[in-house]
Structure formats: C-alpha cells, structure tokens
Protein backbone atom coordinates (compact mmCIF):
# COMPACT_ATOMS: atom_id res chain seq x y z
CA MET A 1 16.45 88.63 43.67
CA LEU A 2 13.58 90.71 45.01
CA ALA A 3 14.37 92.83 48.03
CA LYS A 4 13.03 91.55 51.34
CA ARG A 5 10.38 93.84 52.83
CA ILE A 6 10.20 95.20 56.36
CA ILE A 7 6.61 95.93 57.37
CA PRO A 8 5.33 97.53 60.58
CA CYS A 9 1.78 96.68 61.64
CA LEU A 10 -0.81 98.92 63.28
CA ASP A 11 -3.36 96.92 65.27
CA ILE A 12 -6.27 99.31 65.80
CA ARG A 13 -8.90 99.16 68.54
CA ASP A 14 -11.23 102.04 69.44
CA GLY A 15 -9.24 104.38 67.22
CA ARG A 16 -5.87 103.69 68.86
CA VAL A 17 -2.85 101.55 68.07
CA VAL A 18 -2.69 98.68 70.58
CA LYS A 19 -0.49 95.64 71.18
CA GLY A 20 -0.77 92.47 73.21
CA LYS A 21 0.86 89.08 73.68
CA ASN A 22 -0.47 85.83 72.19
CA PHE A 23 -3.50 87.86 71.01
CA GLU A 24 -4.35 88.77 74.64
CA GLY A 25 -3.49 91.46 77.21
CA ILE A 26 -4.12 94.31 74.77
CA ARG A 27 -2.75 97.70 75.81
CA ASP A 28 -2.69 101.18 74.31
CA VAL A 29 0.35 102.35 72.33
CA ASP A 30 -0.24 105.53 70.30
CA ASP A 31 -2.24 107.46 67.69
CA PRO A 32 -2.37 105.62 64.33
CA VAL A 33 -1.97 108.70 62.16
CA ALA A 34 1.15 109.83 64.03
CA MET A 35 2.61 106.33 63.82
CA ALA A 36 1.86 106.06 60.10
CA ARG A 37 3.71 109.33 59.55
CA TYR A 38 6.68 108.04 61.56
CA TYR A 39 6.90 104.74 59.66
CA ASN A 40 6.61 106.46 56.30
CA ALA A 41 9.69 108.53 57.19
CA SER A 42 11.62 105.68 58.81
CA GLY A 43 12.13 103.51 55.73
CA ALA A 44 9.30 100.99 56.06
CA ASP A 45 8.54 99.22 52.79
CA GLU A 46 4.82 98.90 53.47
CA LEU A 47 2.34 99.47 56.28
CA VAL A 48 -0.37 97.10 57.51
CA PHE A 49 -3.49 98.37 59.27
CA TYR A 50 -5.74 95.89 61.10
CA ASP A 51 -9.03 96.83 62.76
CA ILE A 52 -8.60 93.93 65.18
CA THR A 53 -12.11 93.80 66.69
CA ALA A 54 -14.24 94.44 63.59
CA SER A 55 -14.91 90.78 62.79
CA PHE A 56 -15.56 89.78 66.40
CA GLU A 57 -17.90 92.75 66.91
CA GLY A 58 -19.67 92.05 63.61
CA ARG A 59 -19.20 95.56 62.24
CA LYS A 60 -17.61 97.25 59.26
CA LEU A 61 -14.08 98.58 59.36
CA PHE A 62 -13.71 102.27 60.20
CA THR A 63 -12.78 103.71 56.80
CA GLU A 64 -12.43 107.30 58.01
CA MET A 65 -9.30 106.32 59.93
CA VAL A 66 -7.99 104.47 56.86
CA ARG A 67 -8.27 107.74 54.92
CA ASP A 68 -6.42 109.61 57.64
CA VAL A 69 -3.61 107.05 57.70
CA ALA A 70 -3.38 106.81 53.90
CA SER A 71 -3.05 110.58 53.64
CA GLN A 72 0.18 110.47 55.66
CA ILE A 73 2.12 107.84 53.74
CA PHE A 74 3.67 107.22 50.33
CA ILE A 75 4.26 103.49 50.77
CA PRO A 76 1.80 100.64 50.04
CA LEU A 77 -0.97 100.25 52.62
CA THR A 78 -2.69 96.95 53.38
CA VAL A 79 -5.92 97.16 55.38
CA GLY A 80 -7.96 94.42 57.06
CA GLY A 81 -10.70 93.83 59.60
CA GLY A 82 -14.34 92.91 59.07
CA ILE A 83 -13.91 92.27 55.33
CA GLU A 84 -16.80 90.04 54.30
CA SER A 85 -17.83 91.11 50.79
CA VAL A 86 -16.57 92.61 47.55
CA ASP A 87 -18.32 95.80 48.61
CA ASP A 88 -16.06 95.87 51.67
CA PHE A 89 -13.05 95.62 49.37
CA GLU A 90 -14.42 98.57 47.41
CA ARG A 91 -14.93 100.70 50.52
CA VAL A 92 -11.42 100.07 51.78
CA LEU A 93 -9.71 100.57 48.43
CA THR A 94 -11.53 103.83 47.76
CA SER A 95 -10.44 104.98 51.22
CA GLY A 96 -6.80 104.78 50.20
CA ALA A 97 -5.68 101.17 50.71
CA ASP A 98 -3.54 99.48 48.06
CA LYS A 99 -4.30 95.93 49.22
CA VAL A 100 -7.03 94.36 51.30
CA SER A 101 -6.41 91.69 53.93
CA VAL A 102 -9.15 89.13 54.44
CA ASN A 103 -9.25 86.57 57.25
CA SER A 104 -12.49 85.54 58.99
CA GLY A 105 -14.57 86.66 56.02
CA ALA A 106 -12.71 84.29 53.72
CA LEU A 107 -13.04 81.41 56.16
CA LYS A 108 -16.77 82.05 56.31
CA ASN A 109 -17.11 82.43 52.55
CA PRO A 110 -14.04 81.17 50.63
CA GLU A 111 -15.57 82.28 47.32
CA LEU A 112 -14.94 85.87 48.41
CA ILE A 113 -11.25 85.42 47.60
CA GLY A 114 -11.92 84.58 43.96
CA GLU A 115 -14.61 87.23 43.57
CA ALA A 116 -12.28 89.94 44.84
CA ALA A 117 -9.30 88.67 42.83
CA LYS A 118 -11.35 88.66 39.65
CA LYS A 119 -12.52 92.24 40.19
CA TYR A 120 -9.36 93.84 41.60
CA GLY A 121 -6.53 91.44 40.72
CA ASP A 122 -4.68 88.80 42.73
CA GLN A 123 -2.11 91.34 43.90
CA CYS A 124 -4.84 93.18 45.80
CA VAL A 125 -6.04 90.18 47.83
CA VAL A 126 -4.01 89.32 50.93
CA LEU A 127 -4.98 86.19 52.84
CA SER A 128 -4.23 86.75 56.52
CA ILE A 129 -4.02 83.54 58.55
CA ASP A 130 -4.07 83.42 62.36
CA CYS A 131 -2.55 80.09 63.32
CA LYS A 132 -1.84 78.22 66.54
CA ARG A 133 -0.57 74.80 67.54
CA VAL A 134 -3.28 72.37 68.63
CA GLY A 135 -1.60 69.16 69.66
CA SER A 136 0.78 68.29 66.84
CA GLU A 137 -1.17 70.26 64.22
CA PHE A 138 -1.24 73.88 63.04
CA HIS A 139 -4.85 75.08 63.21
CA VAL A 140 -6.35 78.17 61.59
CA PHE A 141 -8.32 80.47 63.90
CA SER A 142 -10.96 83.10 63.12
CA LYS A 143 -12.60 86.07 64.88
CA GLY A 144 -9.31 87.63 65.92
CA GLY A 145 -7.88 84.34 67.16
CA ARG A 146 -10.92 83.48 69.29
CA VAL A 147 -12.37 80.54 67.31
CA ASP A 148 -10.55 77.35 66.26
CA THR A 149 -11.89 76.54 62.80
CA GLY A 150 -10.30 73.09 62.84
CA ARG A 151 -8.80 73.82 59.44
CA LYS A 152 -5.16 72.88 58.87
CA LEU A 153 -2.74 75.63 57.92
CA LYS A 154 -1.27 74.08 54.79
CA GLU A 155 -4.67 73.06 53.42
CA TRP A 156 -6.21 76.50 53.93
CA ALA A 157 -3.20 78.33 52.49
CA LYS A 158 -3.28 76.09 49.41
CA GLU A 159 -7.02 76.63 48.92
CA GLY A 160 -6.69 80.37 49.40
CA THR A 161 -3.97 80.79 46.81
CA GLU A 162 -5.75 78.52 44.34
CA ARG A 163 -8.83 80.73 44.70
CA GLY A 164 -6.79 83.82 43.91
CA ALA A 165 -5.05 85.24 46.98
CA GLY A 166 -1.87 86.92 45.79
CA GLU A 167 -0.10 87.06 49.14
CA ILE A 168 -0.24 85.37 52.55
CA VAL A 169 0.40 86.89 55.96
CA LEU A 170 0.99 84.13 58.51
CA ASN A 171 0.33 85.34 62.05
CA SER A 172 1.68 82.90 64.63
CA MET A 173 -0.48 83.16 67.73
CA ASP A 174 2.08 81.12 69.65
CA THR A 175 4.87 83.65 69.17
CA ASP A 176 2.81 86.86 68.96
CA GLY A 177 4.35 89.52 71.20
CA VAL A 178 6.77 87.03 72.78
CA ARG A 179 9.85 88.54 71.10
CA GLN A 180 11.77 85.26 70.94
CA GLY A 181 11.98 85.03 67.16
CA PHE A 182 9.68 84.26 64.25
CA ASP A 183 7.86 80.92 64.21
CA LEU A 184 10.14 79.20 61.72
CA PRO A 185 8.57 75.69 61.95
CA MET A 186 5.11 77.13 61.30
CA LEU A 187 6.35 79.27 58.42
CA ALA A 188 8.10 76.24 56.91
CA GLU A 189 4.64 74.73 56.36
CA LEU A 190 4.16 77.30 53.59
CA SER A 191 7.45 76.63 51.81
CA GLU A 192 5.63 75.17 48.80
CA MET A 193 3.40 78.19 48.23
CA ASN A 194 4.02 80.13 45.02
CA VAL A 195 2.95 83.52 46.38
CA PRO A 196 4.77 86.01 48.62
CA ILE A 197 4.77 84.99 52.29
CA ILE A 198 4.89 87.58 55.07
CA ALA A 199 6.03 86.33 58.48
CA SER A 200 4.28 87.85 61.48
CA GLY A 201 4.67 87.24 65.20
CA GLY A 202 7.68 86.90 67.45
CA ALA A 203 10.29 89.38 66.26
CA GLY A 204 12.36 90.67 69.16
CA SER A 205 15.70 91.70 67.66
CA ILE A 206 17.44 92.50 64.41
CA GLU A 207 19.00 89.03 64.51
CA ASP A 208 15.52 87.49 64.32
CA PHE A 209 15.01 89.02 60.87
CA LYS A 210 18.38 87.74 59.67
CA ALA A 211 17.50 84.24 60.92
CA LEU A 212 14.12 84.43 59.19
CA PHE A 213 15.44 85.34 55.77
CA GLU A 214 18.46 83.02 55.91
CA THR A 215 16.50 80.01 57.18
CA LEU A 216 13.47 80.46 54.94
CA PRO A 217 14.58 82.21 51.72
CA LYS A 218 11.07 82.00 50.25
CA VAL A 219 9.68 84.28 52.97
CA THR A 220 9.51 87.67 51.29
CA ALA A 221 8.82 89.98 54.24
CA GLY A 222 9.01 90.30 57.99
CA LEU A 223 6.16 92.03 59.80
CA ALA A 224 6.38 93.30 63.37
CA ALA A 225 4.65 95.68 65.73
CA SER A 226 5.87 96.17 69.30
CA ILE A 227 9.62 96.20 68.59
CA PHE A 228 9.04 98.98 66.06
CA HIS A 229 6.40 100.84 68.10
CA TYR A 230 8.61 101.03 71.19
CA ARG A 231 11.77 101.75 69.13
CA THR A 232 13.46 98.56 70.36
CA VAL A 233 14.47 98.16 66.73
CA LYS A 234 14.59 101.06 64.27
CA ILE A 235 13.78 100.15 60.70
CA ASP A 236 16.64 102.06 59.10
CA GLU A 237 19.15 100.41 61.45
CA LEU A 238 17.59 96.99 60.82
CA LYS A 239 17.92 97.42 57.08
CA ARG A 240 21.55 98.48 57.28
CA TYR A 241 22.27 95.42 59.43
CA LEU A 242 20.52 93.08 56.99
CA ASN A 243 22.29 94.65 54.02
CA ASP A 244 25.66 94.28 55.75
CA ASN A 245 24.83 90.60 56.32
CA GLY A 246 23.99 89.83 52.72
CA VAL A 247 20.20 90.18 52.83
CA ASN A 248 18.83 92.19 49.91
CA VAL A 249 16.72 95.08 51.24
CA ARG A 250 15.69 98.51 49.97
CA LEU A 251 17.83 101.11 51.69
CA VAL A 252 16.51 104.63 52.19
C-alpha cells in the first residue's frame, strides 16, 4: 500500500503566506521562503504553493518567488495560480516546480488539461477543484472561489481525469479554515476516481487525518495550512500518531 502523504499549503498573496476562513478574511502569516525551509525540514511529503489572486487579477503567477521557494526544498513542489496555457506550465516548471495545479484556467479551457498532459505527462497535471454546497448539490467555483460555474463536482472531476489530469486536489470551501475536520461527504463524491485524491480544507487536529484516511481509504493525501503554519499540529508528531494507529506514512 502506498504511504499516505501529508502536504502543507502556502497560499501566497502580495509575496506573503496568508490564510483565511471559507476563502474569506485573509490575514498575513509569514514569509514563504522561510516557511518552505521549515516544512522541508519538518517531514512534509510535498509542498503546495498557490498564488491565490493571480486568476482573479488576470495576471501571471510570480515565478521569481517559485524559484526562491524551490531552492529551499528537496521535496516535490506543486505550484498553481493563473495557469491558463501550456506556456504557463513551461514557465512554472522551469522555475522549479515538479507539478502544476490548474483550476480556473481548466474550467475556462478544458482542452488545456490534455495539452499539458500530452507534453509533460499526466503526473505533472494537478486538477485543483474549489467546491461548495449549493442547495443539495456540490458546485465547482472559479476565480479563487468567487464565481459559481454551475458545474457539478463529480462531472467535472470525471471530465478532468479523462482529459489527462493525473491528480485531484479537492478544496472544500465549506470547511476551509474551520478546523472541524475534512469534508468527508464531499470527498466521498470522488470515490470512483482512479487518480490520487488530495483532501483539502477543514483539518483541525491529528485525529482529523486519522478519520480521513480510515473513512476514505482511496484518499491518498491530506493537505492543510493554518494548523501547520501556527504549529497547532507538527508534521513529525502527526506522522508518528498516524503510524501508531495503523496508517502507512513515510517517517523521517
């Protein structure tokens, strides 16, 4: 069985790591390069870097900061924000990223997924999905969670993987920053996907990761931000706890 991955996330705005709640109330946390260095040493399996306002502001991702972050780590780096073309994939990959996360750009032009997968391989293309409950349905949002596309979660995830996405990050807008546990019902919608699924949004304790992996064995990774940034949970301690409770993780 493949080891479950623990992944911290750096949400970047104006050159700083920030964090909010339900995609709102954004506040400053720390310097991204210093945090990347910390997570590299703390036992993180990967690191995710999101330029969270690039798509909404209609600009390209700041690749200079990607280079600075990549220079500090020896673990896989996934980068997203404002990715709208294969050229954007090229810029980010040559800046030091191992994988590229695409969200609004893929919703705008779904063919981008296949074009990038054909050129760089499925394993390089990460489909990031911002999702929120609308009535009894799970809707996909774009532009950093600002625009309801009306698309259903399961349909978009299926289309994305069929086009070539090699991994899905599901960001629950309902549980983001709430720290009451991962959105298990929303994640269960992706139980039929045949690609790695990364759960994002809601982690508040080490027990939340245990519940995630025990309830949904097909979920391959847990992603979190604030609980790691503020040292509420330390990654090495989390991994020891999971290992002691029968969850296969990579220990440092």
